[in-house]
């Protein structure tokens, strides 16, 4: 497995995205992917499959410490108390004490960015979240986010027909992980 190093953290370069995977198929896919050598698994509260991902993680023979696990908070849950409670629900479903990366799933417009990221920092301080990130943020919005937290990652649609050159340049300058979803 190849790794990238971001902010002194090794992150597996290839990950299993679980969007649209549900039920037993999701559980089996996670377990098999880990058996094949994958060490990066991505889910989200909105996907409705965190419990299946958790069972797949638990059913594999891979130690939790070897897996880089990401989940995301949906914009309707960006208020401080909702971030905390929904993330704790995610941890129970995922059958883990922590996630390696917690992302804001999309930019929100109803809750101040600092409130959401502040709640995520609290989860980070208690050890439930190792790294904080965002998804689908523009360069300017990501710049604003860095005023409230150390941003580890921006997960965006990135493929040959959707260039993200400005974000890639920014990621290199600010040392954050730019993660591509739907890369093919």
Foldseek 3Di string as FASTA:
>chain_A
DDWDAFPNDTDDPDEDECAPPADQRSLVVLLVCVVVPHQEYEEEVVSVHLLSNLNSVVPHPDDVVSHQYEYEDEQVQQALVSLVVVLVVSCVSNVHQAHAEYEHEEDYDPDDLLRSVVSVVVCCVVPRYVAYAYEHDAPVVVVVNVVRDLHAEYEYADEPVDHDVVVVVVCVVSRHHYHHDPHD
